[in-house]
Amino acid sequence: MCAHLGLKPQSVHKTGGFRVQGREREGAVRMLAEARALEAAGADLLLLECIPASLGRDITQGVQVPVIGIGAGPDTNGQILVLYDILDITAGRKPRFVRNFMTGAADCGAAVARYVEAVRTAGPIRPPEHCF
């Protein structure tokens, strides 16, 4: 089972819109406790979305299961980007953690290949300007 913490686009209207989650101490403490509870309940993987890099690090260090980040800083066990973000076709305001791989790419396949290469060669592909 994959558990999802932080920003959950399917429920943004319940959490105050598209905004960084866990910035306040109370929210960060609660999210770390939720991560541990989800792991204890059987989660095999945690996905952290749009949270401060320091909280991404704390959760990654605080659980035994792999932690994948999407806008959760460079210290998670892995990073992902949504295909719409890689191809720069996300509607509306683009999240800070998005890196546009279409720039300079001849087509969508080339953009995806550039993303794969960035992951393979750059290690964590979330430089500080992409973190919260």
Protein backbone atom coordinates (compact mmCIF):
# COMPACT_ATOMS: atom_id res chain seq x y z
CA MET A 1 0.00 0.00 0.00
CA CYS A 2 1.23 3.48 -0.84
CA ALA A 3 0.26 6.20 1.63
CA HIS A 4 0.08 9.86 0.53
CA LEU A 5 0.80 12.74 2.93
CA GLY A 6 1.07 16.49 2.44
CA LEU A 7 -0.74 18.15 -0.43
CA LYS A 8 -3.33 15.84 -1.94
CA PRO A 9 -4.73 17.46 -5.07
CA GLN A 10 -7.91 15.39 -4.83
CA SER A 11 -8.78 17.10 -1.53
CA VAL A 12 -7.33 20.62 -1.85
CA HIS A 13 -10.64 22.23 -1.01
CA LYS A 14 -10.55 20.59 2.42
CA THR A 15 -7.01 21.80 3.16
CA GLY A 16 -7.23 25.41 2.05
CA GLY A 17 -6.20 25.09 -1.58
CA PHE A 18 -2.91 24.41 -3.29
CA ARG A 19 -0.42 25.34 -0.59
CA VAL A 20 2.57 23.86 1.19
CA GLN A 21 1.48 21.49 3.95
CA GLY A 22 3.26 21.04 7.30
CA ARG A 23 4.90 24.47 7.52
CA GLU A 24 3.63 25.13 11.03
CA ARG A 25 5.14 23.09 13.87
CA GLU A 26 1.78 21.55 14.83
CA GLY A 27 1.14 20.37 11.29
CA ALA A 28 4.67 19.00 10.91
CA VAL A 29 4.46 17.06 14.18
CA ARG A 30 1.06 15.66 13.16
CA MET A 31 2.34 14.63 9.71
CA LEU A 32 5.35 12.81 11.21
CA ALA A 33 3.01 10.97 13.59
CA GLU A 34 0.69 10.11 10.68
CA ALA A 35 3.66 8.76 8.68
CA ARG A 36 4.63 6.48 11.56
CA ALA A 37 1.02 5.37 12.06
CA LEU A 38 0.64 4.58 8.34
CA GLU A 39 3.84 2.57 8.41
CA ALA A 40 2.59 0.66 11.48
CA ALA A 41 -0.71 0.02 9.70
CA GLY A 42 1.10 -1.65 6.81
CA ALA A 43 2.08 1.05 4.32
CA ASP A 44 4.88 -0.22 2.09
CA LEU A 45 5.72 3.24 0.73
CA LEU A 46 5.05 6.87 1.64
CA LEU A 47 4.52 9.63 -0.91
CA LEU A 48 5.15 13.13 0.43
CA GLU A 49 3.86 16.01 -1.67
CA CYS A 50 4.52 19.73 -1.36
CA ILE A 51 6.01 19.89 2.13
CA PRO A 52 9.06 21.70 3.56
CA ALA A 53 12.37 19.99 2.78
CA SER A 54 13.20 19.73 6.50
CA LEU A 55 9.95 17.84 7.14
CA GLY A 56 10.65 15.55 4.17
CA ARG A 57 14.03 14.76 5.74
CA ASP A 58 12.52 14.19 9.22
CA ILE A 59 9.84 11.83 7.91
CA THR A 60 12.34 9.92 5.76
CA GLN A 61 14.60 9.46 8.80
CA GLY A 62 11.64 8.64 11.06
CA VAL A 63 10.26 5.64 9.15
CA GLN A 64 11.70 2.41 7.76
CA VAL A 65 9.71 2.26 4.50
CA PRO A 66 10.85 4.07 1.32
CA VAL A 67 9.74 7.69 1.06
CA ILE A 68 9.16 9.26 -2.35
CA GLY A 69 8.96 13.02 -2.66
CA ILE A 70 7.20 15.32 -5.04
CA GLY A 71 8.14 18.77 -3.85
CA ALA A 72 9.38 17.35 -0.52
CA GLY A 73 13.07 18.25 -0.70
CA PRO A 74 16.16 16.30 -1.75
CA ASP A 75 16.43 14.03 1.30
CA THR A 76 13.68 11.54 0.48
CA ASN A 77 14.59 8.12 -0.89
CA GLY A 78 13.38 9.03 -4.37
CA GLN A 79 11.83 11.80 -6.42
CA ILE A 80 9.00 11.90 -8.92
CA LEU A 81 7.35 14.47 -11.12
CA VAL A 82 3.93 14.18 -12.68
CA LEU A 83 4.11 13.78 -16.46
CA TYR A 84 2.07 16.96 -16.97
CA ASP A 85 4.75 18.86 -15.04
CA ILE A 86 7.63 17.26 -16.98
CA LEU A 87 5.92 18.25 -20.24
CA ASP A 88 4.95 21.75 -18.98
CA ILE A 89 1.24 21.24 -19.65
CA THR A 90 -0.05 21.66 -16.10
CA ALA A 91 -2.89 24.18 -16.09
CA GLY A 92 -2.70 27.20 -13.82
CA ARG A 93 0.12 28.21 -11.52
CA LYS A 94 3.10 25.90 -11.68
CA PRO A 95 4.40 24.52 -8.39
CA ARG A 96 7.82 25.74 -7.28
CA PHE A 97 9.25 22.22 -7.38
CA VAL A 98 8.43 21.70 -11.08
CA ARG A 99 11.29 21.59 -13.54
CA ASN A 100 10.20 21.97 -17.17
CA PHE A 101 11.91 19.31 -19.27
CA MET A 102 10.23 20.46 -22.50
CA THR A 103 12.55 23.46 -22.71
CA GLY A 104 14.92 22.65 -25.54
CA ALA A 105 13.31 19.25 -26.20
CA ALA A 106 12.18 18.41 -29.73
CA ASP A 107 9.12 16.45 -28.56
CA CYS A 108 7.47 14.77 -25.56
CA GLY A 109 9.64 11.66 -25.86
CA ALA A 110 12.77 13.79 -25.73
CA ALA A 111 11.48 15.64 -22.65
CA VAL A 112 10.85 12.36 -20.83
CA ALA A 113 14.32 11.13 -21.88
CA ARG A 114 15.80 14.34 -20.43
CA TYR A 115 13.97 13.72 -17.15
CA VAL A 116 15.26 10.12 -17.00
CA GLU A 117 18.80 11.32 -17.68
CA ALA A 118 18.54 14.01 -14.99
CA VAL A 119 17.45 11.42 -12.45
CA ARG A 120 20.25 9.04 -13.44
CA THR A 121 23.06 11.59 -13.46
CA ALA A 122 22.13 14.30 -10.99
CA GLY A 123 21.11 12.27 -7.96
CA PRO A 124 18.52 14.35 -6.13
CA ILE A 125 17.15 16.64 -8.82
CA ARG A 126 15.63 19.10 -6.38
CA PRO A 127 17.98 22.05 -6.07
CA PRO A 128 17.30 24.52 -3.23
CA GLU A 129 15.30 26.85 -5.47
CA HIS A 130 12.79 24.00 -5.96
CA CYS A 131 12.33 23.38 -2.22
CA PHE A 132 10.10 24.88 0.42
